[in-house]
Structures are given as C-alpha cells and as structure tokens.
Amino acid sequence: MAEMSRSNLEAMVLHRTSGTRASVDLHPAWQRLMQYCEELGHGEIEKLKIQDGVPVIADVVREKVKFT
C-alpha cells in the first residue's frame, strides 16, 4: 500500500522546466482531485477521505476569494 501511495505522489509532481505533468498512469480519482484543486484556485480541503489508496470524498471544502 505504501508503494502505491508513493508512486501516486511521484506522478503528481510537475516538471518545472517544461511545465508538463509526468506521463505516469494515475488513477482517475487522483486526476479528478487534481482537476478540482486547479478549478478551486484558492481554498482549503479540511478533510479528505481515502480508501484503497485513492481519494473518495472531500469534506468541508472552503473556497477563498482574494480581493487584491
């Protein structure tokens, strides 16, 4: 299980020089979580439920709005 988590984390790292994501197979739930975070822009996920090494539910999500 630890190996699965480690490879998922490694797959989420962006290549800073090229600006592209690593080309590693990533579970669709992890892809959706990253997409959601990108769409959220600024905010917090207070609780993230994970089952079998993949995200299942994000509880208490707060969107932050910057006025500057």
PDB file of N, CA and C in Angstrom:
ATOM      1  N   MET A   1       0.824  -1.194   0.000  1.00  0.00           N
ATOM      2  CA  MET A   1       0.000   0.000   0.000  1.00  0.00           C
ATOM      3  C   MET A   1       0.863   1.250   0.000  1.00  0.00           C
ATOM      4  N   ALA A   2       1.974   1.257   0.756  1.00  0.00           N
ATOM      5  CA  ALA A   2       2.853   2.426   0.802  1.00  0.00           C
ATOM      6  C   ALA A   2       3.469   2.697  -0.563  1.00  0.00           C
ATOM      7  N   GLU A   3       3.790   1.634  -1.307  1.00  0.00           N
ATOM      8  CA  GLU A   3       4.353   1.826  -2.633  1.00  0.00           C
ATOM      9  C   GLU A   3       3.359   2.502  -3.566  1.00  0.00           C
ATOM     10  N   MET A   4       2.070   2.135  -3.476  1.00  0.00           N
ATOM     11  CA  MET A   4       1.054   2.755  -4.312  1.00  0.00           C
ATOM     12  C   MET A   4       0.963   4.246  -4.004  1.00  0.00           C
ATOM     13  N   SER A   5       0.967   4.597  -2.740  1.00  0.00           N
ATOM     14  CA  SER A   5       0.881   5.990  -2.351  1.00  0.00           C
ATOM     15  C   SER A   5       2.094   6.758  -2.834  1.00  0.00           C
ATOM     16  N   ARG A   6       3.255   6.163  -2.703  1.00  0.00           N
ATOM     17  CA  ARG A   6       4.480   6.838  -3.135  1.00  0.00           C
ATOM     18  C   ARG A   6       4.468   7.087  -4.639  1.00  0.00           C
ATOM     19  N   SER A   7       4.070   6.093  -5.428  1.00  0.00           N
ATOM     20  CA  SER A   7       4.049   6.288  -6.877  1.00  0.00           C
ATOM     21  C   SER A   7       2.994   7.311  -7.277  1.00  0.00           C
ATOM     22  N   ASN A   8       1.868   7.366  -6.566  1.00  0.00           N
ATOM     23  CA  ASN A   8       0.861   8.388  -6.853  1.00  0.00           C
ATOM     24  C   ASN A   8       1.421   9.772  -6.590  1.00  0.00           C
ATOM     25  N   LEU A   9       2.137   9.939  -5.487  1.00  0.00           N
ATOM     26  CA  LEU A   9       2.726  11.239  -5.174  1.00  0.00           C
ATOM     27  C   LEU A   9       3.765  11.629  -6.210  1.00  0.00           C
ATOM     28  N   GLU A  10       4.588  10.680  -6.607  1.00  0.00           N
ATOM     29  CA  GLU A  10       5.602  10.965  -7.612  1.00  0.00           C
ATOM     30  C   GLU A  10       4.962  11.374  -8.930  1.00  0.00           C
ATOM     31  N   ALA A  11       3.836  10.769  -9.269  1.00  0.00           N
ATOM     32  CA  ALA A  11       3.170  11.070 -10.528  1.00  0.00           C
ATOM     33  C   ALA A  11       2.557  12.462 -10.535  1.00  0.00           C
ATOM     34  N   MET A  12       2.273  13.020  -9.342  1.00  0.00           N
ATOM     35  CA  MET A  12       1.654  14.333  -9.266  1.00  0.00           C
ATOM     36  C   MET A  12       2.645  15.479  -9.387  1.00  0.00           C
ATOM     37  N   VAL A  13       3.932  15.174  -9.353  1.00  0.00           N
ATOM     38  CA  VAL A  13       4.945  16.228  -9.416  1.00  0.00           C
ATOM     39  C   VAL A  13       5.003  16.801 -10.832  1.00  0.00           C
ATOM     40  N   LEU A  14       4.996  18.123 -10.916  1.00  0.00           N
ATOM     41  CA  LEU A  14       5.110  18.770 -12.224  1.00  0.00           C
ATOM     42  C   LEU A  14       6.571  18.907 -12.623  1.00  0.00           C
ATOM     43  N   HIS A  15       6.841  18.792 -13.892  1.00  0.00           N
ATOM     44  CA  HIS A  15       8.173  19.082 -14.403  1.00  0.00           C
ATOM     45  C   HIS A  15       8.260  20.588 -14.558  1.00  0.00           C
ATOM     46  N   ARG A  16       8.967  21.237 -13.667  1.00  0.00           N
ATOM     47  CA  ARG A  16       9.024  22.709 -13.635  1.00  0.00           C
ATOM     48  C   ARG A  16       9.622  23.298 -14.905  1.00  0.00           C
ATOM     49  N   THR A  17      10.565  22.611 -15.510  1.00  0.00           N
ATOM     50  CA  THR A  17      11.230  23.193 -16.671  1.00  0.00           C
ATOM     51  C   THR A  17      10.326  23.198 -17.895  1.00  0.00           C
ATOM     52  N   SER A  18       9.586  22.136 -18.111  1.00  0.00           N
ATOM     53  CA  SER A  18       8.751  22.055 -19.307  1.00  0.00           C
ATOM     54  C   SER A  18       7.315  22.464 -19.053  1.00  0.00           C
ATOM     55  N   GLY A  19       6.882  22.489 -17.781  1.00  0.00           N
ATOM     56  CA  GLY A  19       5.508  22.861 -17.466  1.00  0.00           C
ATOM     57  C   GLY A  19       4.497  21.768 -17.766  1.00  0.00           C
ATOM     58  N   THR A  20       4.972  20.543 -18.007  1.00  0.00           N
ATOM     59  CA  THR A  20       4.060  19.437 -18.301  1.00  0.00           C
ATOM     60  C   THR A  20       4.036  18.462 -17.138  1.00  0.00           C
ATOM     61  N   ARG A  21       2.961  17.731 -17.011  1.00  0.00           N
ATOM     62  CA  ARG A  21       2.850  16.719 -15.961  1.00  0.00           C
ATOM     63  C   ARG A  21       3.619  15.472 -16.360  1.00  0.00           C
ATOM     64  N   ALA A  22       4.061  14.741 -15.376  1.00  0.00           N
ATOM     65  CA  ALA A  22       4.753  13.482 -15.629  1.00  0.00           C
ATOM     66  C   ALA A  22       3.810  12.526 -16.342  1.00  0.00           C
ATOM     67  N   SER A  23       4.320  11.798 -17.318  1.00  0.00           N
ATOM     68  CA  SER A  23       3.473  10.880 -18.069  1.00  0.00           C
ATOM     69  C   SER A  23       3.473   9.518 -17.376  1.00  0.00           C
ATOM     70  N   VAL A  24       2.731   9.431 -16.276  1.00  0.00           N
ATOM     71  CA  VAL A  24       2.605   8.209 -15.499  1.00  0.00           C
ATOM     72  C   VAL A  24       1.115   7.913 -15.368  1.00  0.00           C
ATOM     73  N   ASP A  25       0.747   6.626 -15.477  1.00  0.00           N
ATOM     74  CA  ASP A  25      -0.657   6.276 -15.296  1.00  0.00           C
ATOM     75  C   ASP A  25      -1.078   6.639 -13.891  1.00  0.00           C
ATOM     76  N   LEU A  26      -2.161   7.382 -13.774  1.00  0.00           N
ATOM     77  CA  LEU A  26      -2.647   7.858 -12.494  1.00  0.00           C
ATOM     78  C   LEU A  26      -4.117   7.493 -12.390  1.00  0.00           C
ATOM     79  N   HIS A  27      -4.528   6.998 -11.248  1.00  0.00           N
ATOM     80  CA  HIS A  27      -5.922   6.613 -11.038  1.00  0.00           C
ATOM     81  C   HIS A  27      -6.829   7.802 -11.348  1.00  0.00           C
ATOM     82  N   PRO A  28      -7.964   7.574 -12.013  1.00  0.00           N
ATOM     83  CA  PRO A  28      -8.880   8.667 -12.357  1.00  0.00           C
ATOM     84  C   PRO A  28      -9.326   9.501 -11.156  1.00  0.00           C
ATOM     85  N   ALA A  29      -9.431   8.888  -9.963  1.00  0.00           N
ATOM     86  CA  ALA A  29      -9.829   9.652  -8.778  1.00  0.00           C
ATOM     87  C   ALA A  29      -8.761  10.686  -8.418  1.00  0.00           C
ATOM     88  N   TRP A  30      -7.462  10.325  -8.556  1.00  0.00           N
ATOM     89  CA  TRP A  30      -6.386  11.286  -8.302  1.00  0.00           C
ATOM     90  C   TRP A  30      -6.402  12.383  -9.357  1.00  0.00           C
ATOM     91  N   GLN A  31      -6.672  12.017 -10.604  1.00  0.00           N
ATOM     92  CA  GLN A  31      -6.753  13.017 -11.672  1.00  0.00           C
ATOM     93  C   GLN A  31      -7.885  14.001 -11.387  1.00  0.00           C
ATOM     94  N   ARG A  32      -9.030  13.492 -10.943  1.00  0.00           N
ATOM     95  CA  ARG A  32     -10.180  14.351 -10.652  1.00  0.00           C
ATOM     96  C   ARG A  32      -9.893  15.268  -9.463  1.00  0.00           C
ATOM     97  N   LEU A  33      -9.212  14.762  -8.432  1.00  0.00           N
ATOM     98  CA  LEU A  33      -8.849  15.595  -7.290  1.00  0.00           C
ATOM     99  C   LEU A  33      -7.927  16.727  -7.718  1.00  0.00           C
ATOM    100  N   MET A  34      -6.940  16.419  -8.539  1.00  0.00           N
ATOM    101  CA  MET A  34      -6.029  17.470  -9.018  1.00  0.00           C
ATOM    102  C   MET A  34      -6.774  18.492  -9.876  1.00  0.00           C
ATOM    103  N   GLN A  35      -7.704  18.015 -10.706  1.00  0.00           N
ATOM    104  CA  GLN A  35      -8.509  18.917 -11.535  1.00  0.00           C
ATOM    105  C   GLN A  35      -9.370  19.820 -10.647  1.00  0.00           C
ATOM    106  N   TYR A  36      -9.964  19.240  -9.613  1.00  0.00           N
ATOM    107  CA  TYR A  36     -10.792  20.012  -8.687  1.00  0.00           C
ATOM    108  C   TYR A  36      -9.959  21.094  -7.987  1.00  0.00           C
ATOM    109  N   CYS A  37      -8.768  20.740  -7.528  1.00  0.00           N
ATOM    110  CA  CYS A  37      -7.890  21.705  -6.863  1.00  0.00           C
ATOM    111  C   CYS A  37      -7.524  22.834  -7.813  1.00  0.00           C
ATOM    112  N   GLU A  38      -7.271  22.494  -9.057  1.00  0.00           N
ATOM    113  CA  GLU A  38      -6.943  23.508 -10.059  1.00  0.00           C
ATOM    114  C   GLU A  38      -8.125  24.452 -10.282  1.00  0.00           C
ATOM    115  N   GLU A  39      -9.335  23.897 -10.353  1.00  0.00           N
ATOM    116  CA  GLU A  39     -10.546  24.703 -10.544  1.00  0.00           C
ATOM    117  C   GLU A  39     -10.853  25.556  -9.312  1.00  0.00           C
ATOM    118  N   LEU A  40     -10.545  25.034  -8.136  1.00  0.00           N
ATOM    119  CA  LEU A  40     -10.802  25.750  -6.888  1.00  0.00           C
ATOM    120  C   LEU A  40      -9.967  27.016  -6.807  1.00  0.00           C
ATOM    121  N   GLY A  41      -8.763  26.970  -7.300  1.00  0.00           N
ATOM    122  CA  GLY A  41      -7.909  28.152  -7.289  1.00  0.00           C
ATOM    123  C   GLY A  41      -7.321  28.411  -5.918  1.00  0.00           C
ATOM    124  N   HIS A  42      -8.085  29.037  -5.024  1.00  0.00           N
ATOM    125  CA  HIS A  42      -7.661  29.302  -3.649  1.00  0.00           C
ATOM    126  C   HIS A  42      -8.694  28.695  -2.723  1.00  0.00           C
ATOM    127  N   GLY A  43      -8.254  27.973  -1.721  1.00  0.00           N
ATOM    128  CA  GLY A  43      -9.198  27.392  -0.775  1.00  0.00           C
ATOM    129  C   GLY A  43      -8.551  26.354   0.108  1.00  0.00           C
ATOM    130  N   GLU A  44      -9.406  25.587   0.766  1.00  0.00           N
ATOM    131  CA  GLU A  44      -8.945  24.553   1.698  1.00  0.00           C
ATOM    132  C   GLU A  44      -9.809  23.315   1.559  1.00  0.00           C
ATOM    133  N   ILE A  45      -9.186  22.173   1.706  1.00  0.00           N
ATOM    134  CA  ILE A  45      -9.905  20.919   1.868  1.00  0.00           C
ATOM    135  C   ILE A  45      -9.574  20.465   3.281  1.00  0.00           C
ATOM    136  N   GLU A  46     -10.548  20.580   4.177  1.00  0.00           N
ATOM    137  CA  GLU A  46     -10.295  20.269   5.583  1.00  0.00           C
ATOM    138  C   GLU A  46     -10.157  18.775   5.819  1.00  0.00           C
ATOM    139  N   LYS A  47     -10.992  17.987   5.171  1.00  0.00           N
ATOM    140  CA  LYS A  47     -10.948  16.530   5.334  1.00  0.00           C
ATOM    141  C   LYS A  47     -10.960  15.883   3.962  1.00  0.00           C
ATOM    142  N   LEU A  48     -10.062  14.934   3.771  1.00  0.00           N
ATOM    143  CA  LEU A  48     -10.006  14.175   2.531  1.00  0.00           C
ATOM    144  C   LEU A  48     -10.045  12.700   2.895  1.00  0.00           C
ATOM    145  N   LYS A  49     -11.080  12.016   2.462  1.00  0.00           N
ATOM    146  CA  LYS A  49     -11.220  10.589   2.769  1.00  0.00           C
ATOM    147  C   LYS A  49     -10.579   9.777   1.640  1.00  0.00           C
ATOM    148  N   ILE A  50      -9.734   8.839   2.045  1.00  0.00           N
ATOM    149  CA  ILE A  50      -9.030   7.986   1.094  1.00  0.00           C
ATOM    150  C   ILE A  50      -9.329   6.535   1.425  1.00  0.00           C
ATOM    151  N   GLN A  51      -9.668   5.765   0.406  1.00  0.00           N
ATOM    152  CA  GLN A  51      -9.909   4.329   0.568  1.00  0.00           C
ATOM    153  C   GLN A  51      -9.115   3.591  -0.491  1.00  0.00           C
ATOM    154  N   ASP A  52      -8.462   2.523  -0.090  1.00  0.00           N
ATOM    155  CA  ASP A  52      -7.647   1.710  -1.003  1.00  0.00           C
ATOM    156  C   ASP A  52      -6.639   2.554  -1.777  1.00  0.00           C
ATOM    157  N   GLY A  53      -6.111   3.598  -1.147  1.00  0.00           N
ATOM    158  CA  GLY A  53      -5.065   4.407  -1.757  1.00  0.00           C
ATOM    159  C   GLY A  53      -5.524   5.470  -2.731  1.00  0.00           C
ATOM    160  N   VAL A  54      -6.841   5.673  -2.842  1.00  0.00           N
ATOM    161  CA  VAL A  54      -7.341   6.715  -3.747  1.00  0.00           C
ATOM    162  C   VAL A  54      -8.328   7.619  -3.017  1.00  0.00           C
ATOM    163  N   PRO A  55      -8.395   8.905  -3.405  1.00  0.00           N
ATOM    164  CA  PRO A  55      -9.344   9.814  -2.765  1.00  0.00           C
ATOM    165  C   PRO A  55     -10.778   9.441  -3.109  1.00  0.00           C
ATOM    166  N   VAL A  56     -11.654   9.542  -2.106  1.00  0.00           N
ATOM    167  CA  VAL A  56     -13.053   9.182  -2.306  1.00  0.00           C
ATOM    168  C   VAL A  56     -13.960  10.392  -2.104  1.00  0.00           C
ATOM    169  N   ILE A  57     -13.762  11.127  -1.009  1.00  0.00           N
ATOM    170  CA  ILE A  57     -14.635  12.255  -0.678  1.00  0.00           C
ATOM    171  C   ILE A  57     -13.808  13.384  -0.078  1.00  0.00           C
ATOM    172  N   ALA A  58     -14.086  14.613  -0.513  1.00  0.00           N
ATOM    173  CA  ALA A  58     -13.510  15.799   0.119  1.00  0.00           C
ATOM    174  C   ALA A  58     -14.617  16.444   0.946  1.00  0.00           C
ATOM    175  N   ASP A  59     -14.426  16.474   2.268  1.00  0.00           N
ATOM    176  CA  ASP A  59     -15.400  17.082   3.177  1.00  0.00           C
ATOM    177  C   ASP A  59     -14.943  18.484   3.560  1.00  0.00           C
ATOM    178  N   VAL A  60     -15.883  19.343   3.827  1.00  0.00           N
ATOM    179  CA  VAL A  60     -15.630  20.696   4.313  1.00  0.00           C
ATOM    180  C   VAL A  60     -14.623  21.404   3.409  1.00  0.00           C
ATOM    181  N   VAL A  61     -15.066  21.713   2.206  1.00  0.00           N
ATOM    182  CA  VAL A  61     -14.235  22.437   1.250  1.00  0.00           C
ATOM    183  C   VAL A  61     -14.626  23.900   1.318  1.00  0.00           C
ATOM    184  N   ARG A  62     -13.618  24.767   1.493  1.00  0.00           N
ATOM    185  CA  ARG A  62     -13.871  26.208   1.568  1.00  0.00           C
ATOM    186  C   ARG A  62     -13.168  26.895   0.416  1.00  0.00           C
ATOM    187  N   GLU A  63     -13.921  27.681  -0.305  1.00  0.00           N
ATOM    188  CA  GLU A  63     -13.335  28.483  -1.375  1.00  0.00           C
ATOM    189  C   GLU A  63     -12.920  29.825  -0.788  1.00  0.00           C
ATOM    190  N   LYS A  64     -11.743  30.272  -1.144  1.00  0.00           N
ATOM    191  CA  LYS A  64     -11.246  31.562  -0.680  1.00  0.00           C
ATOM    192  C   LYS A  64     -11.283  32.525  -1.852  1.00  0.00           C
ATOM    193  N   VAL A  65     -11.672  33.763  -1.591  1.00  0.00           N
ATOM    194  CA  VAL A  65     -11.721  34.787  -2.640  1.00  0.00           C
ATOM    195  C   VAL A  65     -10.772  35.905  -2.246  1.00  0.00           C
ATOM    196  N   LYS A  66      -9.809  36.205  -3.121  1.00  0.00           N
ATOM    197  CA  LYS A  66      -8.883  37.308  -2.886  1.00  0.00           C
ATOM    198  C   LYS A  66      -9.432  38.558  -3.578  1.00  0.00           C
ATOM    199  N   PHE A  67      -9.424  39.672  -2.881  1.00  0.00           N
ATOM    200  CA  PHE A  67      -9.913  40.918  -3.442  1.00  0.00           C
ATOM    201  C   PHE A  67      -8.771  41.834  -3.856  1.00  0.00           C
ATOM    202  N   THR A  68      -7.564  41.330  -3.847  1.00  0.00           N
ATOM    203  CA  THR A  68      -6.410  42.165  -4.246  1.00  0.00           C
ATOM    204  C   THR A  68      -5.891  41.765  -5.600  1.00  0.00           C
TER     205      THR A  68
END
